[in-house]
C-alpha atoms as a PDB file:
ATOM      1  CA  MET A   1      47.860-131.460 103.172  1.00  0.00           C
ATOM      2  CA  SER A   2      48.826-130.532  99.609  1.00  0.00           C
ATOM      3  CA  ASP A   3      51.270-127.957 101.001  1.00  0.00           C
ATOM      4  CA  LEU A   4      52.909-130.585 103.240  1.00  0.00           C
ATOM      5  CA  ARG A   5      53.131-133.062 100.368  1.00  0.00           C
ATOM      6  CA  GLU A   6      54.704-130.364  98.179  1.00  0.00           C
ATOM      7  CA  LEU A   7      57.220-129.556 100.935  1.00  0.00           C
ATOM      8  CA  ILE A   8      58.186-133.213 101.267  1.00  0.00           C
ATOM      9  CA  THR A   9      58.381-133.707  97.496  1.00  0.00           C
ATOM     10  CA  ARG A  10      60.695-130.698  97.069  1.00  0.00           C
ATOM     11  CA  TRP A  11      62.840-131.724 100.045  1.00  0.00           C
ATOM     12  CA  ARG A  12      63.267-135.285  98.786  1.00  0.00           C
ATOM     13  CA  ALA A  13      64.186-134.095  95.283  1.00  0.00           C
ATOM     14  CA  ALA A  14      66.967-132.014  96.827  1.00  0.00           C
ATOM     15  CA  HIS A  15      68.278-134.915  98.970  1.00  0.00           C
ATOM     16  CA  PRO A  16      69.062-137.921  96.729  1.00  0.00           C
ATOM     17  CA  ASP A  17      71.071-139.554  99.525  1.00  0.00           C
ATOM     18  CA  ARG A  18      68.122-139.514 101.920  1.00  0.00           C
ATOM     19  CA  GLY A  19      67.147-142.570 103.898  1.00  0.00           C
ATOM     20  CA  PHE A  20      67.508-144.408 107.175  1.00  0.00           C
ATOM     21  CA  LYS A  21      70.846-145.650 108.444  1.00  0.00           C
ATOM     22  CA  ALA A  22      71.989-147.159 111.708  1.00  0.00           C
ATOM     23  CA  ARG A  23      75.227-148.506 113.105  1.00  0.00           C
ATOM     24  CA  VAL A  24      76.753-149.597 116.380  1.00  0.00           C
ATOM     25  CA  GLY A  25      80.419-148.783 116.864  1.00  0.00           C
ATOM     26  CA  THR A  26      83.188-149.439 119.343  1.00  0.00           C
ATOM     27  CA  ASP A  27      86.544-147.772 119.768  1.00  0.00           C
ATOM     28  CA  GLU A  28      87.789-149.883 116.871  1.00  0.00           C
ATOM     29  CA  THR A  29      84.896-149.561 114.406  1.00  0.00           C
ATOM     30  CA  SER A  30      83.785-146.018 115.184  1.00  0.00           C
ATOM     31  CA  PRO A  31      86.611-144.340 117.106  1.00  0.00           C
ATOM     32  CA  VAL A  32      85.362-140.761 117.063  1.00  0.00           C
ATOM     33  CA  LEU A  33      81.938-141.583 118.484  1.00  0.00           C
ATOM     34  CA  ALA A  34      83.225-144.023 121.060  1.00  0.00           C
ATOM     35  CA  ARG A  35      86.031-141.796 122.280  1.00  0.00           C
ATOM     36  CA  LEU A  36      83.875-138.700 122.527  1.00  0.00           C
ATOM     37  CA  LEU A  37      80.961-140.378 124.268  1.00  0.00           C
ATOM     38  CA  ALA A  38      82.655-143.085 126.351  1.00  0.00           C
ATOM     39  CA  LYS A  39      81.621-142.945 129.976  1.00  0.00           C
ATOM     40  CA  LYS A  40      84.938-144.141 131.393  1.00  0.00           C
ATOM     41  CA  SER A  41      88.395-143.352 130.145  1.00  0.00           C
ATOM     42  CA  GLY A  42      90.138-146.442 128.836  1.00  0.00           C
ATOM     43  CA  ALA A  43      86.912-148.429 128.644  1.00  0.00           C
ATOM     44  CA  PRO A  44      84.985-147.080 125.638  1.00  0.00           C
ATOM     45  CA  ALA A  45      81.410-148.303 125.444  1.00  0.00           C
ATOM     46  CA  PRO A  46      79.669-149.053 122.144  1.00  0.00           C
ATOM     47  CA  VAL A  47      77.815-146.082 120.702  1.00  0.00           C
ATOM     48  CA  ALA A  48      74.850-146.406 118.370  1.00  0.00           C
ATOM     49  CA  GLU A  49      74.045-143.907 115.642  1.00  0.00           C
ATOM     50  CA  ILE A  50      70.727-143.525 113.828  1.00  0.00           C
ATOM     51  CA  LEU A  51      70.193-141.253 110.826  1.00  0.00           C
ATOM     52  CA  ILE A  52      66.631-140.104 110.134  1.00  0.00           C
ATOM     53  CA  TYR A  53      67.277-138.494 106.766  1.00  0.00           C
ATOM     54  CA  ASP A  54      63.930-138.854 105.006  1.00  0.00           C
ATOM     55  CA  ALA A  55      60.208-138.316 105.410  1.00  0.00           C
ATOM     56  CA  ILE A  56      58.538-139.959 108.415  1.00  0.00           C
ATOM     57  CA  GLY A  57      56.532-143.014 107.420  1.00  0.00           C
ATOM     58  CA  ARG A  58      55.691-144.779 104.182  1.00  0.00           C
ATOM     59  CA  GLY A  59      52.538-145.077 102.094  1.00  0.00           C
ATOM     60  CA  PHE A  60      51.238-141.622 101.192  1.00  0.00           C
ATOM     61  CA  PHE A  61      54.783-140.259 101.298  1.00  0.00           C
ATOM     62  CA  ASP A  62      56.271-143.231  99.402  1.00  0.00           C
ATOM     63  CA  ASP A  63      59.447-144.629 100.980  1.00  0.00           C
ATOM     64  CA  GLY A  64      60.386-143.090 104.299  1.00  0.00           C
ATOM     65  CA  VAL A  65      61.726-143.860 107.764  1.00  0.00           C
ATOM     66  CA  THR A  66      59.464-146.228 109.682  1.00  0.00           C
ATOM     67  CA  ALA A  67      59.002-147.045 113.338  1.00  0.00           C
ATOM     68  CA  GLU A  68      59.802-150.675 112.524  1.00  0.00           C
ATOM     69  CA  GLN A  69      63.245-149.699 111.212  1.00  0.00           C
ATOM     70  CA  VAL A  70      63.959-147.533 114.224  1.00  0.00           C
ATOM     71  CA  ASP A  71      62.708-150.095 116.723  1.00  0.00           C
ATOM     72  CA  LYS A  72      64.923-152.773 115.171  1.00  0.00           C
ATOM     73  CA  ALA A  73      67.955-150.460 115.314  1.00  0.00           C
ATOM     74  CA  VAL A  74      67.270-149.556 118.956  1.00  0.00           C
ATOM     75  CA  LYS A  75      67.007-153.225 119.923  1.00  0.00           C
ATOM     76  CA  GLN A  76      70.257-154.010 118.101  1.00  0.00           C
ATOM     77  CA  ALA A  77      71.967-151.138 119.886  1.00  0.00           C
ATOM     78  CA  SER A  78      70.744-152.341 123.270  1.00  0.00           C
ATOM     79  CA  ALA A  79      71.768-155.923 122.527  1.00  0.00           C
ATOM     80  CA  ALA A  80      75.263-154.701 121.595  1.00  0.00           C
ATOM     81  CA  GLY A  81      75.566-152.971 124.950  1.00  0.00           C
ATOM     82  CA  ALA A  82      75.484-149.408 123.600  1.00  0.00           C
ATOM     83  CA  THR A  83      75.205-146.819 126.353  1.00  0.00           C
ATOM     84  CA  SER A  84      74.714-143.797 124.082  1.00  0.00           C
ATOM     85  CA  LEU A  85      72.442-143.297 121.090  1.00  0.00           C
ATOM     86  CA  VAL A  86      73.218-140.519 118.601  1.00  0.00           C
ATOM     87  CA  ILE A  87      70.110-139.551 116.598  1.00  0.00           C
ATOM     88  CA  ARG A  88      70.655-137.361 113.537  1.00  0.00           C
ATOM     89  CA  VAL A  89      67.646-135.609 112.024  1.00  0.00           C
ATOM     90  CA  ASN A  90      67.158-134.070 108.588  1.00  0.00           C
ATOM     91  CA  SER A  91      63.529-134.620 107.722  1.00  0.00           C
ATOM     92  CA  PRO A  92      60.511-132.677 106.405  1.00  0.00           C
ATOM     93  CA  GLY A  93      58.187-134.712 108.610  1.00  0.00           C
ATOM     94  CA  GLY A  94      55.329-136.924 107.498  1.00  0.00           C
ATOM     95  CA  ASP A  95      52.972-139.338 109.262  1.00  0.00           C
ATOM     96  CA  VAL A  96      52.246-138.099 112.795  1.00  0.00           C
ATOM     97  CA  HIS A  97      51.402-141.536 114.200  1.00  0.00           C
ATOM     98  CA  GLU A  98      54.552-143.046 112.696  1.00  0.00           C
ATOM     99  CA  GLY A  99      56.436-140.177 114.301  1.00  0.00           C
ATOM    100  CA  MET A 100      54.891-140.981 117.676  1.00  0.00           C
ATOM    101  CA  ALA A 101      55.887-144.626 117.327  1.00  0.00           C
ATOM    102  CA  ILE A 102      59.460-143.636 116.382  1.00  0.00           C
ATOM    103  CA  TYR A 103      59.604-141.283 119.371  1.00  0.00           C
ATOM    104  CA  ASN A 104      58.422-144.038 121.721  1.00  0.00           C
ATOM    105  CA  SER A 105      60.866-146.590 120.277  1.00  0.00           C
ATOM    106  CA  LEU A 106      63.755-144.194 120.813  1.00  0.00           C
ATOM    107  CA  LYS A 107      62.460-143.314 124.273  1.00  0.00           C
ATOM    108  CA  ARG A 108      62.748-146.952 125.326  1.00  0.00           C
ATOM    109  CA  PHE A 109      66.509-146.904 124.781  1.00  0.00           C
ATOM    110  CA  ALA A 110      67.900-147.027 128.309  1.00  0.00           C
ATOM    111  CA  GLY A 111      71.070-145.040 127.673  1.00  0.00           C
ATOM    112  CA  GLU A 112      71.739-141.404 126.866  1.00  0.00           C
ATOM    113  CA  LYS A 113      69.974-140.079 123.765  1.00  0.00           C
ATOM    114  CA  LEU A 114      71.765-137.274 121.899  1.00  0.00           C
ATOM    115  CA  VAL A 115      69.796-135.599 119.100  1.00  0.00           C
ATOM    116  CA  TYR A 116      71.508-133.562 116.385  1.00  0.00           C
ATOM    117  CA  VAL A 117      69.378-131.557 113.946  1.00  0.00           C
ATOM    118  CA  ASP A 118      71.657-131.482 110.923  1.00  0.00           C
ATOM    119  CA  GLY A 119      69.300-129.739 108.493  1.00  0.00           C
ATOM    120  CA  LEU A 120      65.524-129.679 108.873  1.00  0.00           C
ATOM    121  CA  ALA A 121      63.313-130.848 111.721  1.00  0.00           C
ATOM    122  CA  ALA A 122      59.824-130.113 110.454  1.00  0.00           C
ATOM    123  CA  SER A 123      56.381-131.336 111.432  1.00  0.00           C
ATOM    124  CA  ALA A 124      56.583-134.920 112.767  1.00  0.00           C
ATOM    125  CA  ALA A 125      60.389-134.783 112.698  1.00  0.00           C
ATOM    126  CA  SER A 126      60.379-131.928 115.235  1.00  0.00           C
ATOM    127  CA  PHE A 127      58.321-134.133 117.522  1.00  0.00           C
ATOM    128  CA  VAL A 128      60.768-137.040 117.140  1.00  0.00           C
ATOM    129  CA  ALA A 129      63.637-134.707 118.051  1.00  0.00           C
ATOM    130  CA  MET A 130      62.042-134.081 121.453  1.00  0.00           C
ATOM    131  CA  VAL A 131      63.248-137.527 122.575  1.00  0.00           C
ATOM    132  CA  GLY A 132      66.774-136.254 123.120  1.00  0.00           C
ATOM    133  CA  ASP A 133      68.241-135.930 126.592  1.00  0.00           C
ATOM    134  CA  LYS A 134      70.291-133.278 124.851  1.00  0.00           C
ATOM    135  CA  ILE A 135      69.274-131.625 121.578  1.00  0.00           C
ATOM    136  CA  THR A 136      71.898-129.844 119.500  1.00  0.00           C
ATOM    137  CA  SER A 137      70.848-127.853 116.444  1.00  0.00           C
ATOM    138  CA  ALA A 138      73.292-126.900 113.698  1.00  0.00           C
ATOM    139  CA  LYS A 139      73.551-123.131 113.376  1.00  0.00           C
ATOM    140  CA  ASN A 140      72.120-123.235 109.851  1.00  0.00           C
ATOM    141  CA  SER A 141      69.344-125.732 110.619  1.00  0.00           C
ATOM    142  CA  THR A 142      65.606-125.056 110.558  1.00  0.00           C
ATOM    143  CA  TRP A 143      62.640-126.137 112.659  1.00  0.00           C
ATOM    144  CA  MET A 144      58.938-126.128 111.840  1.00  0.00           C
ATOM    145  CA  VAL A 145      56.132-126.864 114.290  1.00  0.00           C
ATOM    146  CA  HIS A 146      52.440-126.968 113.389  1.00  0.00           C
ATOM    147  CA  ASN A 147      49.147-128.711 114.046  1.00  0.00           C
ATOM    148  CA  PRO A 148      48.516-132.178 112.580  1.00  0.00           C
ATOM    149  CA  TRP A 149      46.833-132.329 109.187  1.00  0.00           C
ATOM    150  CA  THR A 150      44.775-134.963 107.395  1.00  0.00           C
ATOM    151  CA  MET A 151      42.365-135.506 104.512  1.00  0.00           C
ATOM    152  CA  THR A 152      38.798-136.698 105.012  1.00  0.00           C
ATOM    153  CA  VAL A 153      35.978-137.651 102.667  1.00  0.00           C
ATOM    154  CA  GLY A 154      32.480-138.055 104.039  1.00  0.00           C
ATOM    155  CA  SER A 155      29.506-136.371 105.630  1.00  0.00           C
ATOM    156  CA  ALA A 156      29.471-133.356 107.929  1.00  0.00           C
ATOM    157  CA  ALA A 157      29.429-135.762 110.862  1.00  0.00           C
ATOM    158  CA  ASP A 158      32.501-137.521 109.490  1.00  0.00           C
ATOM    159  CA  LEU A 159      34.336-134.225 109.140  1.00  0.00           C
ATOM    160  CA  ARG A 160      33.448-133.202 112.704  1.00  0.00           C
ATOM    161  CA  LYS A 161      34.736-136.532 114.029  1.00  0.00           C
ATOM    162  CA  THR A 162      37.968-136.066 112.113  1.00  0.00           C
ATOM    163  CA  ALA A 163      38.373-132.545 113.506  1.00  0.00           C
ATOM    164  CA  GLU A 164      37.862-133.871 117.038  1.00  0.00           C
ATOM    165  CA  ALA A 165      40.466-136.580 116.439  1.00  0.00           C
ATOM    166  CA  LEU A 166      42.942-133.993 115.128  1.00  0.00           C
ATOM    167  CA  ASP A 167      42.386-131.876 118.237  1.00  0.00           C
ATOM    168  CA  LYS A 168      43.211-134.880 120.423  1.00  0.00           C
ATOM    169  CA  VAL A 169      46.367-135.690 118.478  1.00  0.00           C
ATOM    170  CA  GLY A 170      47.395-132.036 118.500  1.00  0.00           C
ATOM    171  CA  GLY A 171      46.906-131.956 122.253  1.00  0.00           C
ATOM    172  CA  GLN A 172      49.183-134.969 122.669  1.00  0.00           C
ATOM    173  CA  LEU A 173      51.879-133.305 120.584  1.00  0.00           C
ATOM    174  CA  ALA A 174      51.533-130.047 122.510  1.00  0.00           C
ATOM    175  CA  GLU A 175      51.968-131.840 125.848  1.00  0.00           C
ATOM    176  CA  THR A 176      55.178-133.480 124.634  1.00  0.00           C
ATOM    177  CA  TYR A 177      56.569-130.201 123.263  1.00  0.00           C
ATOM    178  CA  ALA A 178      55.699-128.368 126.494  1.00  0.00           C
ATOM    179  CA  ALA A 179      57.332-131.045 128.648  1.00  0.00           C
ATOM    180  CA  ARG A 180      60.627-130.740 126.732  1.00  0.00           C
ATOM    181  CA  THR A 181      60.731-126.974 126.096  1.00  0.00           C
ATOM    182  CA  ARG A 182      60.361-123.981 128.390  1.00  0.00           C
ATOM    183  CA  LEU A 183      57.030-123.032 126.841  1.00  0.00           C
ATOM    184  CA  SER A 184      53.712-123.303 128.638  1.00  0.00           C
ATOM    185  CA  LEU A 185      51.060-125.549 127.103  1.00  0.00           C
ATOM    186  CA  ASP A 186      49.121-122.489 125.893  1.00  0.00           C
ATOM    187  CA  ASP A 187      52.264-121.026 124.323  1.00  0.00           C
ATOM    188  CA  VAL A 188      53.018-124.302 122.564  1.00  0.00           C
ATOM    189  CA  LYS A 189      49.492-124.432 121.159  1.00  0.00           C
ATOM    190  CA  ALA A 190      49.879-120.859 119.893  1.00  0.00           C
ATOM    191  CA  VAL A 191      53.161-121.792 118.187  1.00  0.00           C
ATOM    192  CA  MET A 192      51.488-124.805 116.578  1.00  0.00           C
ATOM    193  CA  ASP A 193      48.442-122.800 115.479  1.00  0.00           C
ATOM    194  CA  ALA A 194      50.727-120.303 113.729  1.00  0.00           C
ATOM    195  CA  GLU A 195      52.751-123.012 111.915  1.00  0.00           C
ATOM    196  CA  THR A 196      55.975-121.567 113.262  1.00  0.00           C
ATOM    197  CA  TRP A 197      59.300-121.744 111.443  1.00  0.00           C
ATOM    198  CA  MET A 198      62.384-121.225 113.608  1.00  0.00           C
ATOM    199  CA  ASN A 199      66.069-120.926 112.988  1.00  0.00           C
ATOM    200  CA  ALA A 200      68.428-122.692 115.384  1.00  0.00           C
ATOM    201  CA  THR A 201      68.851-119.711 117.675  1.00  0.00           C
ATOM    202  CA  GLU A 202      65.103-119.197 117.984  1.00  0.00           C
ATOM    203  CA  ALA A 203      64.617-122.902 118.653  1.00  0.00           C
ATOM    204  CA  GLN A 204      67.209-122.770 121.427  1.00  0.00           C
ATOM    205  CA  LYS A 205      65.663-119.674 122.960  1.00  0.00           C
ATOM    206  CA  VAL A 206      62.376-121.435 123.647  1.00  0.00           C
ATOM    207  CA  GLY A 207      63.836-124.825 124.532  1.00  0.00           C
ATOM    208  CA  PHE A 208      63.332-126.886 121.378  1.00  0.00           C
ATOM    209  CA  ALA A 209      67.133-127.120 121.249  1.00  0.00           C
ATOM    210  CA  ASP A 210      69.594-127.083 124.127  1.00  0.00           C
ATOM    211  CA  ALA A 211      72.538-125.832 122.109  1.00  0.00           C
ATOM    212  CA  VAL A 212      73.486-124.373 118.731  1.00  0.00           C
ATOM    213  CA  LEU A 213      76.741-125.234 116.987  1.00  0.00           C
ATOM    214  CA  ASP A 214      78.412-124.157 113.786  1.00  0.00           C
ATOM    215  CA  PRO A 215      78.221-126.899 111.125  1.00  0.00           C
ATOM    216  CA  ASP A 216      81.898-127.866 111.499  1.00  0.00           C
ATOM    217  CA  GLU A 217      81.402-128.296 115.247  1.00  0.00           C
ATOM    218  CA  VAL A 218      78.495-130.739 114.934  1.00  0.00           C
ATOM    219  CA  GLN A 219      79.550-134.368 114.992  1.00  0.00           C
ATOM    220  CA  SER A 220      79.385-136.084 111.607  1.00  0.00           C
ATOM    221  CA  LYS A 221      80.316-139.498 110.298  1.00  0.00           C
ATOM    222  CA  ASP A 222      83.965-138.427 110.212  1.00  0.00           C
ATOM    223  CA  PRO A 223      84.326-134.900 111.633  1.00  0.00           C
ATOM    224  CA  GLU A 224      87.556-133.277 110.508  1.00  0.00           C
ATOM    225  CA  GLY A 225      88.951-136.626 109.366  1.00  0.00           C
ATOM    226  CA  ILE A 226      89.444-138.092 112.833  1.00  0.00           C
ATOM    227  CA  ASP A 227      88.476-141.602 111.698  1.00  0.00           C
ATOM    228  CA  LYS A 228      91.044-141.512 108.873  1.00  0.00           C
ATOM    229  CA  LEU A 229      93.753-140.184 111.163  1.00  0.00           C
ATOM    230  CA  THR A 230      93.041-142.886 113.721  1.00  0.00           C
ATOM    231  CA  GLU A 231      93.171-145.572 111.043  1.00  0.00           C
ATOM    232  CA  LYS A 232      96.642-144.295 110.123  1.00  0.00           C
ATOM    233  CA  ASN A 233      97.668-144.397 113.796  1.00  0.00           C
ATOM    234  CA  ASP A 234      98.511-140.697 113.617  1.00  0.00           C
ATOM    235  CA  GLY A 235      98.342-140.246 117.385  1.00  0.00           C
ATOM    236  CA  PRO A 236      99.443-136.608 117.847  1.00  0.00           C
ATOM    237  CA  ALA A 237      97.275-135.273 115.033  1.00  0.00           C
ATOM    238  CA  ALA A 238      94.247-137.263 116.153  1.00  0.00           C
ATOM    239  CA  ALA A 239      94.785-136.172 119.749  1.00  0.00           C
ATOM    240  CA  ALA A 240      94.875-132.513 118.678  1.00  0.00           C
ATOM    241  CA  LEU A 241      91.607-132.866 116.778  1.00  0.00           C
ATOM    242  CA  LEU A 242      89.989-134.683 119.665  1.00  0.00           C
ATOM    243  CA  ALA A 243      91.082-131.897 122.006  1.00  0.00           C
ATOM    244  CA  ARG A 244      89.441-129.379 119.698  1.00  0.00           C
ATOM    245  CA  ARG A 245      86.283-131.490 119.658  1.00  0.00           C
ATOM    246  CA  ASN A 246      86.231-131.711 123.448  1.00  0.00           C
ATOM    247  CA  ALA A 247      86.573-127.930 123.642  1.00  0.00           C
ATOM    248  CA  ALA A 248      83.558-127.612 121.361  1.00  0.00           C
ATOM    249  CA  ARG A 249      81.592-129.950 123.617  1.00  0.00           C
ATOM    250  CA  ALA A 250      82.552-127.805 126.619  1.00  0.00           C
ATOM    251  CA  ARG A 251      81.102-124.797 124.819  1.00  0.00           C
ATOM    252  CA  VAL A 252      77.882-126.773 124.313  1.00  0.00           C
ATOM    253  CA  VAL A 253      77.644-127.367 128.057  1.00  0.00           C
ATOM    254  CA  ALA A 254      78.274-123.698 128.771  1.00  0.00           C
ATOM    255  CA  MET A 255      75.624-122.605 126.269  1.00  0.00           C
ATOM    256  CA  SER A 256      73.132-125.060 127.745  1.00  0.00           C
ATOM    257  CA  GLU A 257      73.679-123.654 131.220  1.00  0.00           C
ATOM    258  CA  ARG A 258      73.184-120.120 129.963  1.00  0.00           C
ATOM    259  CA  ALA A 259      70.020-121.183 128.143  1.00  0.00           C
ATOM    260  CA  LYS A 260      68.571-122.612 131.354  1.00  0.00           C
ATOM    261  CA  LYS A 261      69.008-119.238 133.041  1.00  0.00           C
ATOM    262  CA  THR A 262      67.509-117.262 130.180  1.00  0.00           C
ATOM    263  CA  SER A 263      63.852-116.408 130.638  1.00  0.00           C
ATOM    264  CA  LEU A 264      61.480-116.468 127.699  1.00  0.00           C
ATOM    265  CA  SER A 265      61.263-112.916 126.335  1.00  0.00           C
ATOM    266  CA  GLY A 266      58.987-113.448 123.362  1.00  0.00           C
ATOM    267  CA  GLN A 267      57.623-115.896 120.820  1.00  0.00           C
ATOM    268  CA  PRO A 268      59.879-117.299 118.103  1.00  0.00           C
ATOM    269  CA  GLY A 269      59.569-115.537 114.791  1.00  0.00           C
ATOM    270  CA  ASN A 270      57.288-116.841 112.054  1.00  0.00           C
ATOM    271  CA  HIS A 271      58.736-117.151 108.591  1.00  0.00           C
ATOM    272  CA  PRO A 272      56.776-117.623 105.397  1.00  0.00           C
END
């Protein structure tokens, strides 16, 4: 547990702008998201965006993203009529049960769920990322998957009970990972036992991610200045950038199809 706390402490020190953010946009308030994700041309639907840019849970990890925050944002998105939910992840993980609650809150969103791993999806954050109907990992992003940890004080009987509880929780996580990836349940458990670190390509190879994109191809708050161009009514320039973005999305689809046809040829590499 001390290693996980150290990881989270170092990560948070390096990310002063961490936190939880959410918004619901339309073609007017968030043109790039609405135009790229609208289901019908000429009738853009509201698109919700959630940023999970902090540790999972509060308490032991101080301030962090909570299931209550996420659940409220999901309900607001649904009430606004959003048909797509963009979930951005850059988190060192944290409380496993809070992560489960966040996953379930996001799962209840009726529309399409698009997960983007912008930096780190470690521990509980990697589990949350599994909620995506489509998971895109930035080329320079990192994943970490391991068994749940805890701290216990008590008798030998207390410690055995805690170990049994951890095994149950670990089994629940493994089942969710296996259902979303192309790994068997035994393979997932082996990956968790080894505390496996993966780059984006390795994560895609075994199904944790559906696609890998270069950083400038992953959607951001204002990719390539499209929002600013739209605000200036610069139609031709905005149209050219949107065409480039659509081409990038087509490459995502192509990569996803190739990934589905690729058989698992080995375990992802472990990195210290």
